[in-house]
Amino acid sequence: SVLIRGHFDNELWGLACHPNKEKYYTCGQDKVLALWDVTQRSIEKFTTVSESIEVIAISNDGKHLALGSKTGVVYIYDANSLVERSKKTDRKQ
């Protein structure tokens, strides 16, 4: 059984607080996107992203996440399920 779970490799880069719930999201160079529960002080859900992420933002309604990578790709994720909905490449970095 898992005793503790968190980010594990290199640096944590992104943090976004949910606008309506006691939850927040983190992402980093370990390619992990995590949803944290503030009251439980633990990860509620997590997934792996295809590359290292350096920035994260959440929509005002709390339904979507935007993740930005160093390679210039912007990913849109569903904030509840942590499933990728779309991605766009705008530049090389």
PDB file of N, CA and C in Angstrom:
ATOM      1  N   SER A   1       0.831  -1.188   0.000  1.00  0.00           N
ATOM      2  CA  SER A   1       0.000   0.000   0.000  1.00  0.00           C
ATOM      3  C   SER A   1       0.874   1.250   0.000  1.00  0.00           C
ATOM      4  N   VAL A   2       0.343   2.305  -0.579  1.00  0.00           N
ATOM      5  CA  VAL A   2       1.080   3.554  -0.719  1.00  0.00           C
ATOM      6  C   VAL A   2       1.030   4.319   0.601  1.00  0.00           C
ATOM      7  N   LEU A   3       2.193   4.712   1.114  1.00  0.00           N
ATOM      8  CA  LEU A   3       2.257   5.484   2.351  1.00  0.00           C
ATOM      9  C   LEU A   3       2.244   6.975   2.078  1.00  0.00           C
ATOM     10  N   ILE A   4       2.925   7.387   1.011  1.00  0.00           N
ATOM     11  CA  ILE A   4       2.974   8.807   0.646  1.00  0.00           C
ATOM     12  C   ILE A   4       3.182   8.906  -0.854  1.00  0.00           C
ATOM     13  N   ARG A   5       2.579   9.900  -1.478  1.00  0.00           N
ATOM     14  CA  ARG A   5       2.733  10.088  -2.914  1.00  0.00           C
ATOM     15  C   ARG A   5       2.958  11.573  -3.160  1.00  0.00           C
ATOM     16  N   GLY A   6       3.816  11.884  -4.105  1.00  0.00           N
ATOM     17  CA  GLY A   6       4.095  13.271  -4.446  1.00  0.00           C
ATOM     18  C   GLY A   6       4.971  13.342  -5.677  1.00  0.00           C
ATOM     19  N   HIS A   7       5.468  14.518  -5.972  1.00  0.00           N
ATOM     20  CA  HIS A   7       6.396  14.679  -7.100  1.00  0.00           C
ATOM     21  C   HIS A   7       7.737  14.095  -6.695  1.00  0.00           C
ATOM     22  N   PHE A   8       8.471  13.548  -7.669  1.00  0.00           N
ATOM     23  CA  PHE A   8       9.620  12.741  -7.298  1.00  0.00           C
ATOM     24  C   PHE A   8      10.909  13.059  -8.035  1.00  0.00           C
ATOM     25  N   ASP A   9      10.870  13.816  -9.108  1.00  0.00           N
ATOM     26  CA  ASP A   9      12.079  13.985  -9.910  1.00  0.00           C
ATOM     27  C   ASP A   9      12.214  15.434 -10.359  1.00  0.00           C
ATOM     28  N   ASN A  10      13.396  15.989 -10.220  1.00  0.00           N
ATOM     29  CA  ASN A  10      13.702  17.359 -10.627  1.00  0.00           C
ATOM     30  C   ASN A  10      12.846  18.370  -9.884  1.00  0.00           C
ATOM     31  N   GLU A  11      12.333  19.398 -10.578  1.00  0.00           N
ATOM     32  CA  GLU A  11      11.662  20.499  -9.895  1.00  0.00           C
ATOM     33  C   GLU A  11      10.159  20.536 -10.130  1.00  0.00           C
ATOM     34  N   LEU A  12       9.458  21.034  -9.115  1.00  0.00           N
ATOM     35  CA  LEU A  12       8.037  21.331  -9.221  1.00  0.00           C
ATOM     36  C   LEU A  12       7.929  22.746  -9.774  1.00  0.00           C
ATOM     37  N   TRP A  13       7.167  22.943 -10.863  1.00  0.00           N
ATOM     38  CA  TRP A  13       7.100  24.250 -11.528  1.00  0.00           C
ATOM     39  C   TRP A  13       5.742  24.917 -11.435  1.00  0.00           C
ATOM     40  N   GLY A  14       4.664  24.169 -11.485  1.00  0.00           N
ATOM     41  CA  GLY A  14       3.347  24.787 -11.583  1.00  0.00           C
ATOM     42  C   GLY A  14       2.457  24.526 -10.391  1.00  0.00           C
ATOM     43  N   LEU A  15       1.684  25.546 -10.026  1.00  0.00           N
ATOM     44  CA  LEU A  15       0.701  25.431  -8.957  1.00  0.00           C
ATOM     45  C   LEU A  15      -0.497  26.299  -9.313  1.00  0.00           C
ATOM     46  N   ALA A  16      -1.692  25.728  -9.227  1.00  0.00           N
ATOM     47  CA  ALA A  16      -2.927  26.484  -9.499  1.00  0.00           C
ATOM     48  C   ALA A  16      -3.977  26.071  -8.478  1.00  0.00           C
ATOM     49  N   CYS A  17      -4.578  27.052  -7.810  1.00  0.00           N
ATOM     50  CA  CYS A  17      -5.623  26.794  -6.821  1.00  0.00           C
ATOM     51  C   CYS A  17      -6.989  26.781  -7.491  1.00  0.00           C
ATOM     52  N   HIS A  18      -7.819  25.817  -7.118  1.00  0.00           N
ATOM     53  CA  HIS A  18      -9.175  25.740  -7.646  1.00  0.00           C
ATOM     54  C   HIS A  18      -9.959  26.954  -7.156  1.00  0.00           C
ATOM     55  N   PRO A  19     -10.746  27.594  -8.028  1.00  0.00           N
ATOM     56  CA  PRO A  19     -11.452  28.816  -7.634  1.00  0.00           C
ATOM     57  C   PRO A  19     -12.608  28.605  -6.659  1.00  0.00           C
ATOM     58  N   ASN A  20     -13.158  27.383  -6.578  1.00  0.00           N
ATOM     59  CA  ASN A  20     -14.354  27.156  -5.760  1.00  0.00           C
ATOM     60  C   ASN A  20     -14.225  26.050  -4.714  1.00  0.00           C
ATOM     61  N   LYS A  21     -13.192  25.258  -4.794  1.00  0.00           N
ATOM     62  CA  LYS A  21     -13.044  24.104  -3.894  1.00  0.00           C
ATOM     63  C   LYS A  21     -11.716  24.195  -3.149  1.00  0.00           C
ATOM     64  N   GLU A  22     -11.596  23.438  -2.090  1.00  0.00           N
ATOM     65  CA  GLU A  22     -10.351  23.390  -1.332  1.00  0.00           C
ATOM     66  C   GLU A  22      -9.414  22.363  -1.961  1.00  0.00           C
ATOM     67  N   LYS A  23      -9.014  22.672  -3.182  1.00  0.00           N
ATOM     68  CA  LYS A  23      -8.140  21.788  -3.948  1.00  0.00           C
ATOM     69  C   LYS A  23      -7.151  22.636  -4.734  1.00  0.00           C
ATOM     70  N   TYR A  24      -6.025  22.030  -5.094  1.00  0.00           N
ATOM     71  CA  TYR A  24      -5.062  22.701  -5.956  1.00  0.00           C
ATOM     72  C   TYR A  24      -4.372  21.670  -6.843  1.00  0.00           C
ATOM     73  N   TYR A  25      -3.751  22.161  -7.901  1.00  0.00           N
ATOM     74  CA  TYR A  25      -3.096  21.315  -8.897  1.00  0.00           C
ATOM     75  C   TYR A  25      -1.610  21.653  -8.934  1.00  0.00           C
ATOM     76  N   THR A  26      -0.780  20.643  -9.125  1.00  0.00           N
ATOM     77  CA  THR A  26       0.650  20.861  -9.288  1.00  0.00           C
ATOM     78  C   THR A  26       1.148  20.091 -10.507  1.00  0.00           C
ATOM     79  N   CYS A  27       2.244  20.571 -11.083  1.00  0.00           N
ATOM     80  CA  CYS A  27       2.887  19.888 -12.201  1.00  0.00           C
ATOM     81  C   CYS A  27       4.370  20.235 -12.178  1.00  0.00           C
ATOM     82  N   GLY A  28       5.157  19.451 -12.883  1.00  0.00           N
ATOM     83  CA  GLY A  28       6.587  19.711 -12.861  1.00  0.00           C
ATOM     84  C   GLY A  28       7.361  18.949 -13.906  1.00  0.00           C
ATOM     85  N   GLN A  29       8.658  18.908 -13.673  1.00  0.00           N
ATOM     86  CA  GLN A  29       9.559  18.266 -14.617  1.00  0.00           C
ATOM     87  C   GLN A  29       9.469  16.742 -14.573  1.00  0.00           C
ATOM     88  N   ASP A  30       8.790  16.202 -13.579  1.00  0.00           N
ATOM     89  CA  ASP A  30       8.621  14.753 -13.500  1.00  0.00           C
ATOM     90  C   ASP A  30       7.456  14.247 -14.353  1.00  0.00           C
ATOM     91  N   LYS A  31       6.801  15.164 -15.092  1.00  0.00           N
ATOM     92  CA  LYS A  31       5.693  14.850 -16.003  1.00  0.00           C
ATOM     93  C   LYS A  31       4.421  14.425 -15.276  1.00  0.00           C
ATOM     94  N   VAL A  32       4.316  14.753 -14.001  1.00  0.00           N
ATOM     95  CA  VAL A  32       3.140  14.402 -13.212  1.00  0.00           C
ATOM     96  C   VAL A  32       2.247  15.629 -13.057  1.00  0.00           C
ATOM     97  N   LEU A  33       0.952  15.444 -13.306  1.00  0.00           N
ATOM     98  CA  LEU A  33      -0.081  16.432 -13.029  1.00  0.00           C
ATOM     99  C   LEU A  33      -0.887  15.860 -11.873  1.00  0.00           C
ATOM    100  N   ALA A  34      -0.967  16.605 -10.761  1.00  0.00           N
ATOM    101  CA  ALA A  34      -1.620  16.085  -9.566  1.00  0.00           C
ATOM    102  C   ALA A  34      -2.703  17.030  -9.073  1.00  0.00           C
ATOM    103  N   LEU A  35      -3.783  16.444  -8.589  1.00  0.00           N
ATOM    104  CA  LEU A  35      -4.873  17.170  -7.942  1.00  0.00           C
ATOM    105  C   LEU A  35      -4.778  16.856  -6.451  1.00  0.00           C
ATOM    106  N   TRP A  36      -4.596  17.897  -5.650  1.00  0.00           N
ATOM    107  CA  TRP A  36      -4.424  17.754  -4.203  1.00  0.00           C
ATOM    108  C   TRP A  36      -5.681  18.183  -3.465  1.00  0.00           C
ATOM    109  N   ASP A  37      -6.005  17.493  -2.390  1.00  0.00           N
ATOM    110  CA  ASP A  37      -7.091  17.867  -1.502  1.00  0.00           C
ATOM    111  C   ASP A  37      -6.479  18.560  -0.291  1.00  0.00           C
ATOM    112  N   VAL A  38      -6.863  19.813  -0.053  1.00  0.00           N
ATOM    113  CA  VAL A  38      -6.277  20.600   1.037  1.00  0.00           C
ATOM    114  C   VAL A  38      -6.622  19.995   2.393  1.00  0.00           C
ATOM    115  N   THR A  39      -7.864  19.600   2.593  1.00  0.00           N
ATOM    116  CA  THR A  39      -8.280  19.096   3.904  1.00  0.00           C
ATOM    117  C   THR A  39      -7.650  17.746   4.239  1.00  0.00           C
ATOM    118  N   GLN A  40      -7.470  16.894   3.235  1.00  0.00           N
ATOM    119  CA  GLN A  40      -6.860  15.582   3.450  1.00  0.00           C
ATOM    120  C   GLN A  40      -5.323  15.626   3.408  1.00  0.00           C
ATOM    121  N   ARG A  41      -4.792  16.735   2.851  1.00  0.00           N
ATOM    122  CA  ARG A  41      -3.334  16.898   2.699  1.00  0.00           C
ATOM    123  C   ARG A  41      -2.714  15.753   1.896  1.00  0.00           C
ATOM    124  N   SER A  42      -3.394  15.389   0.810  1.00  0.00           N
ATOM    125  CA  SER A  42      -2.896  14.298  -0.015  1.00  0.00           C
ATOM    126  C   SER A  42      -3.362  14.455  -1.456  1.00  0.00           C
ATOM    127  N   ILE A  43      -2.747  13.676  -2.323  1.00  0.00           N
ATOM    128  CA  ILE A  43      -3.129  13.669  -3.733  1.00  0.00           C
ATOM    129  C   ILE A  43      -4.435  12.897  -3.888  1.00  0.00           C
ATOM    130  N   GLU A  44      -5.394  13.556  -4.515  1.00  0.00           N
ATOM    131  CA  GLU A  44      -6.688  12.928  -4.784  1.00  0.00           C
ATOM    132  C   GLU A  44      -6.641  12.136  -6.083  1.00  0.00           C
ATOM    133  N   LYS A  45      -5.970  12.706  -7.092  1.00  0.00           N
ATOM    134  CA  LYS A  45      -5.841  12.102  -8.423  1.00  0.00           C
ATOM    135  C   LYS A  45      -4.530  12.560  -9.028  1.00  0.00           C
ATOM    136  N   PHE A  46      -3.998  11.748  -9.924  1.00  0.00           N
ATOM    137  CA  PHE A  46      -2.817  12.176 -10.667  1.00  0.00           C
ATOM    138  C   PHE A  46      -2.764  11.458 -12.003  1.00  0.00           C
ATOM    139  N   THR A  47      -2.008  12.052 -12.921  1.00  0.00           N
ATOM    140  CA  THR A  47      -1.794  11.450 -14.229  1.00  0.00           C
ATOM    141  C   THR A  47      -0.423  11.868 -14.730  1.00  0.00           C
ATOM    142  N   THR A  48       0.032  11.210 -15.764  1.00  0.00           N
ATOM    143  CA  THR A  48       1.292  11.594 -16.390  1.00  0.00           C
ATOM    144  C   THR A  48       1.020  12.342 -17.676  1.00  0.00           C
ATOM    145  N   VAL A  49       1.809  13.376 -17.895  1.00  0.00           N
ATOM    146  CA  VAL A  49       1.738  14.186 -19.107  1.00  0.00           C
ATOM    147  C   VAL A  49       2.885  13.734 -20.005  1.00  0.00           C
ATOM    148  N   SER A  50       2.773  13.915 -21.295  1.00  0.00           N
ATOM    149  CA  SER A  50       3.780  13.393 -22.222  1.00  0.00           C
ATOM    150  C   SER A  50       5.135  14.100 -22.161  1.00  0.00           C
ATOM    151  N   GLU A  51       5.208  15.249 -21.492  1.00  0.00           N
ATOM    152  CA  GLU A  51       6.493  15.938 -21.345  1.00  0.00           C
ATOM    153  C   GLU A  51       6.501  16.775 -20.067  1.00  0.00           C
ATOM    154  N   SER A  52       7.654  17.323 -19.739  1.00  0.00           N
ATOM    155  CA  SER A  52       7.772  18.178 -18.556  1.00  0.00           C
ATOM    156  C   SER A  52       6.927  19.424 -18.719  1.00  0.00           C
ATOM    157  N   ILE A  53       6.263  19.813 -17.642  1.00  0.00           N
ATOM    158  CA  ILE A  53       5.381  20.984 -17.661  1.00  0.00           C
ATOM    159  C   ILE A  53       5.966  22.057 -16.756  1.00  0.00           C
ATOM    160  N   GLU A  54       5.915  23.301 -17.233  1.00  0.00           N
ATOM    161  CA  GLU A  54       6.525  24.391 -16.469  1.00  0.00           C
ATOM    162  C   GLU A  54       5.538  25.436 -15.978  1.00  0.00           C
ATOM    163  N   VAL A  55       4.294  25.387 -16.442  1.00  0.00           N
ATOM    164  CA  VAL A  55       3.306  26.372 -15.999  1.00  0.00           C
ATOM    165  C   VAL A  55       1.915  25.755 -16.077  1.00  0.00           C
ATOM    166  N   ILE A  56       1.048  26.186 -15.149  1.00  0.00           N
ATOM    167  CA  ILE A  56      -0.328  25.684 -15.130  1.00  0.00           C
ATOM    168  C   ILE A  56      -1.264  26.827 -14.746  1.00  0.00           C
ATOM    169  N   ALA A  57      -2.451  26.812 -15.330  1.00  0.00           N
ATOM    170  CA  ALA A  57      -3.491  27.785 -14.987  1.00  0.00           C
ATOM    171  C   ALA A  57      -4.831  27.065 -15.028  1.00  0.00           C
ATOM    172  N   ILE A  58      -5.779  27.560 -14.242  1.00  0.00           N
ATOM    173  CA  ILE A  58      -7.113  26.967 -14.207  1.00  0.00           C
ATOM    174  C   ILE A  58      -8.130  28.008 -14.661  1.00  0.00           C
ATOM    175  N   SER A  59      -9.157  27.551 -15.368  1.00  0.00           N
ATOM    176  CA  SER A  59     -10.195  28.470 -15.839  1.00  0.00           C
ATOM    177  C   SER A  59     -10.999  29.011 -14.655  1.00  0.00           C
ATOM    178  N   ASN A  60     -11.649  30.143 -14.853  1.00  0.00           N
ATOM    179  CA  ASN A  60     -12.421  30.782 -13.780  1.00  0.00           C
ATOM    180  C   ASN A  60     -13.554  29.899 -13.249  1.00  0.00           C
ATOM    181  N   ASP A  61     -14.102  29.040 -14.106  1.00  0.00           N
ATOM    182  CA  ASP A  61     -15.173  28.153 -13.656  1.00  0.00           C
ATOM    183  C   ASP A  61     -14.645  26.851 -13.053  1.00  0.00           C
ATOM    184  N   GLY A  62     -13.321  26.648 -13.072  1.00  0.00           N
ATOM    185  CA  GLY A  62     -12.711  25.471 -12.470  1.00  0.00           C
ATOM    186  C   GLY A  62     -12.861  24.192 -13.266  1.00  0.00           C
ATOM    187  N   LYS A  63     -13.205  24.309 -14.547  1.00  0.00           N
ATOM    188  CA  LYS A  63     -13.457  23.113 -15.358  1.00  0.00           C
ATOM    189  C   LYS A  63     -12.276  22.681 -16.221  1.00  0.00           C
ATOM    190  N   HIS A  64     -11.367  23.615 -16.546  1.00  0.00           N
ATOM    191  CA  HIS A  64     -10.269  23.299 -17.464  1.00  0.00           C
ATOM    192  C   HIS A  64      -8.930  23.766 -16.911  1.00  0.00           C
ATOM    193  N   LEU A  65      -7.897  23.017 -17.268  1.00  0.00           N
ATOM    194  CA  LEU A  65      -6.529  23.377 -16.919  1.00  0.00           C
ATOM    195  C   LEU A  65      -5.754  23.629 -18.204  1.00  0.00           C
ATOM    196  N   ALA A  66      -4.898  24.636 -18.193  1.00  0.00           N
ATOM    197  CA  ALA A  66      -3.974  24.880 -19.301  1.00  0.00           C
ATOM    198  C   ALA A  66      -2.576  24.617 -18.766  1.00  0.00           C
ATOM    199  N   LEU A  67      -1.839  23.748 -19.436  1.00  0.00           N
ATOM    200  CA  LEU A  67      -0.484  23.391 -19.039  1.00  0.00           C
ATOM    201  C   LEU A  67       0.466  23.798 -20.149  1.00  0.00           C
ATOM    202  N   GLY A  68       1.544  24.452 -19.802  1.00  0.00           N
ATOM    203  CA  GLY A  68       2.515  24.887 -20.795  1.00  0.00           C
ATOM    204  C   GLY A  68       3.855  24.189 -20.612  1.00  0.00           C
ATOM    205  N   SER A  69       4.451  23.793 -21.727  1.00  0.00           N
ATOM    206  CA  SER A  69       5.743  23.108 -21.686  1.00  0.00           C
ATOM    207  C   SER A  69       6.846  24.000 -22.254  1.00  0.00           C
ATOM    208  N   LYS A  70       8.074  23.614 -21.985  1.00  0.00           N
ATOM    209  CA  LYS A  70       9.225  24.360 -22.486  1.00  0.00           C
ATOM    210  C   LYS A  70       9.344  24.251 -24.011  1.00  0.00           C
ATOM    211  N   THR A  71       8.747  23.224 -24.593  1.00  0.00           N
ATOM    212  CA  THR A  71       8.820  23.023 -26.044  1.00  0.00           C
ATOM    213  C   THR A  71       7.783  23.846 -26.799  1.00  0.00           C
ATOM    214  N   GLY A  72       6.954  24.625 -26.080  1.00  0.00           N
ATOM    215  CA  GLY A  72       5.977  25.475 -26.733  1.00  0.00           C
ATOM    216  C   GLY A  72       4.607  24.861 -26.912  1.00  0.00           C
ATOM    217  N   VAL A  73       4.391  23.679 -26.361  1.00  0.00           N
ATOM    218  CA  VAL A  73       3.088  23.027 -26.463  1.00  0.00           C
ATOM    219  C   VAL A  73       2.218  23.468 -25.286  1.00  0.00           C
ATOM    220  N   VAL A  74       0.956  23.790 -25.582  1.00  0.00           N
ATOM    221  CA  VAL A  74      -0.035  24.093 -24.550  1.00  0.00           C
ATOM    222  C   VAL A  74      -1.060  22.957 -24.559  1.00  0.00           C
ATOM    223  N   TYR A  75      -1.239  22.346 -23.405  1.00  0.00           N
ATOM    224  CA  TYR A  75      -2.197  21.257 -23.244  1.00  0.00           C
ATOM    225  C   TYR A  75      -3.415  21.774 -22.495  1.00  0.00           C
ATOM    226  N   ILE A  76      -4.595  21.322 -22.899  1.00  0.00           N
ATOM    227  CA  ILE A  76      -5.831  21.621 -22.175  1.00  0.00           C
ATOM    228  C   ILE A  76      -6.317  20.300 -21.575  1.00  0.00           C
ATOM    229  N   TYR A  77      -6.506  20.314 -20.259  1.00  0.00           N
ATOM    230  CA  TYR A  77      -6.959  19.133 -19.529  1.00  0.00           C
ATOM    231  C   TYR A  77      -8.277  19.416 -18.832  1.00  0.00           C
ATOM    232  N   ASP A  78      -9.093  18.384 -18.697  1.00  0.00           N
ATOM    233  CA  ASP A  78     -10.300  18.468 -17.892  1.00  0.00           C
ATOM    234  C   ASP A  78      -9.860  18.496 -16.424  1.00  0.00           C
ATOM    235  N   ALA A  79     -10.311  19.474 -15.663  1.00  0.00           N
ATOM    236  CA  ALA A  79      -9.851  19.652 -14.285  1.00  0.00           C
ATOM    237  C   ALA A  79     -10.382  18.576 -13.344  1.00  0.00           C
ATOM    238  N   ASN A  80     -11.487  17.940 -13.683  1.00  0.00           N
ATOM    239  CA  ASN A  80     -12.048  16.903 -12.812  1.00  0.00           C
ATOM    240  C   ASN A  80     -11.453  15.532 -13.082  1.00  0.00           C
ATOM    241  N   SER A  81     -11.374  15.156 -14.342  1.00  0.00           N
ATOM    242  CA  SER A  81     -10.910  13.813 -14.686  1.00  0.00           C
ATOM    243  C   SER A  81      -9.408  13.745 -14.960  1.00  0.00           C
ATOM    244  N   LEU A  82      -8.772  14.890 -15.147  1.00  0.00           N
ATOM    245  CA  LEU A  82      -7.351  14.978 -15.529  1.00  0.00           C
ATOM    246  C   LEU A  82      -7.074  14.253 -16.849  1.00  0.00           C
ATOM    247  N   VAL A  83      -7.999  14.367 -17.773  1.00  0.00           N
ATOM    248  CA  VAL A  83      -7.852  13.790 -19.113  1.00  0.00           C
ATOM    249  C   VAL A  83      -7.531  14.913 -20.089  1.00  0.00           C
ATOM    250  N   GLU A  84      -6.569  14.651 -20.974  1.00  0.00           N
ATOM    251  CA  GLU A  84      -6.203  15.644 -21.999  1.00  0.00           C
ATOM    252  C   GLU A  84      -7.347  15.829 -22.974  1.00  0.00           C
ATOM    253  N   ARG A  85      -7.719  17.081 -23.224  1.00  0.00           N
ATOM    254  CA  ARG A  85      -8.797  17.396 -24.168  1.00  0.00           C
ATOM    255  C   ARG A  85      -8.265  17.917 -25.496  1.00  0.00           C
ATOM    256  N   SER A  86      -7.165  18.668 -25.466  1.00  0.00           N
ATOM    257  CA  SER A  86      -6.566  19.168 -26.707  1.00  0.00           C
ATOM    258  C   SER A  86      -5.164  19.677 -26.437  1.00  0.00           C
ATOM    259  N   LYS A  87      -4.442  19.950 -27.520  1.00  0.00           N
ATOM    260  CA  LYS A  87      -3.123  20.547 -27.387  1.00  0.00           C
ATOM    261  C   LYS A  87      -2.835  21.387 -28.614  1.00  0.00           C
ATOM    262  N   LYS A  88      -1.976  22.375 -28.434  1.00  0.00           N
ATOM    263  CA  LYS A  88      -1.629  23.261 -29.538  1.00  0.00           C
ATOM    264  C   LYS A  88      -0.146  23.594 -29.425  1.00  0.00           C
ATOM    265  N   THR A  89       0.534  23.530 -30.557  1.00  0.00           N
ATOM    266  CA  THR A  89       1.940  23.920 -30.595  1.00  0.00           C
ATOM    267  C   THR A  89       2.015  25.261 -31.295  1.00  0.00           C
ATOM    268  N   ASP A  90       2.555  26.223 -30.599  1.00  0.00           N
ATOM    269  CA  ASP A  90       2.629  27.589 -31.132  1.00  0.00           C
ATOM    270  C   ASP A  90       4.053  27.976 -31.502  1.00  0.00           C
ATOM    271  N   ARG A  91       5.011  27.450 -30.798  1.00  0.00           N
ATOM    272  CA  ARG A  91       6.421  27.776 -31.042  1.00  0.00           C
ATOM    273  C   ARG A  91       7.295  26.632 -30.569  1.00  0.00           C
ATOM    274  N   LYS A  92       8.589  26.768 -30.749  1.00  0.00           N
ATOM    275  CA  LYS A  92       9.508  25.687 -30.387  1.00  0.00           C
ATOM    276  C   LYS A  92       9.970  25.735 -28.949  1.00  0.00           C
ATOM    277  N   GLN A  93       9.724  26.836 -28.278  1.00  0.00           N
ATOM    278  CA  GLN A  93      10.117  26.927 -26.862  1.00  0.00           C
ATOM    279  C   GLN A  93       9.326  27.971 -26.122  1.00  0.00           C
TER     280      GLN A  93
END
